[in-house]
Amino acid sequence: MLSLRQRHERGQTCVDWLESYHTFSFGDYYDPRYTGFADLRVINDDRVQPGKGFETHAHRDMEIITYVLEGTLAHKDSLGNGSLIQAGELQRMTAGTGIRHSEFNPSETETVHFLQIWIQPEKTGLTPSYQQQAFKLSDRLRKWQLLVSRNGEKGSLSVNQDANLWAAILQAEQSLNYDIAPGRASWLQVTKGVLQVNGWPCTASAGTRKYYCLTCQNLRRCCNQVRILITRESACHLLGIDH
């Protein structure tokens, strides 16, 4: 089954320093239809004003991935890490038994725009840990670049779940196949531009999901295995999460 989550359907948190859109239920926003997708729990699309940010707060038993799209994000945590996450870089925190951190926009003039993605770990009580990495944009031009995987395959960040995070960039009138193995669930998130997924128009921060149904104790595909993605603008960026 293929379904579309339009950008305007998401939950929203707006205060003077933060504009945040919630693909799934988060904080004061609750939609019983969107409480997560398999092990995927959160996709927050955040914009933080210059000199503002999230004060120190705690997490536990969650894999937290931060992907900076524009600007710079300053991070500090209870493990002793302190870093600047630049546009195009990813950070992964295993909250495990407990971690405290803060996130701020260090710029005096520019807004920082980032996605925060939460994935349920395969088990609780893990040792907290941290990774940060930059990836070459050239390695995702009209192809899928692996950013996060269970075992850190192909130079990706590691995550404590059987989950993969991919990224791709398409130029005008280009297309790309997205293959999903039997038994996997997948979420596609458009982060920039306009494209079509099997003829469905999608704009930045829209999401599409595909999943499998259980029939006679065997997993059976409910829609085509291959997604055809066609851009309508000069540049389109997207993420694919399969688990």
Foldseek 3Di string as FASTA:
>chain_A
DKDKFAQVNFDWDDDPFKTKTWSAADDPRHDPVGCADVQWGTKMKMKGHEPDWFDKDKDFQKKKKKAWQAAWKWKDKPVGDTDIAHHQKMKIKHQAPMMIMIIHRHDPHDITIMIMIIGGAPDGRDDIDMDMDHDDLVVAEQHKDWAEACVCPPVHHHGRHHKTKIKHKYFAFDKHKDADDFPKKKKKAWQAAWKDKVRRIGHHGMMMIAGWDADPNGTDGPDDRIIIITGHHGMTMMMMMMD
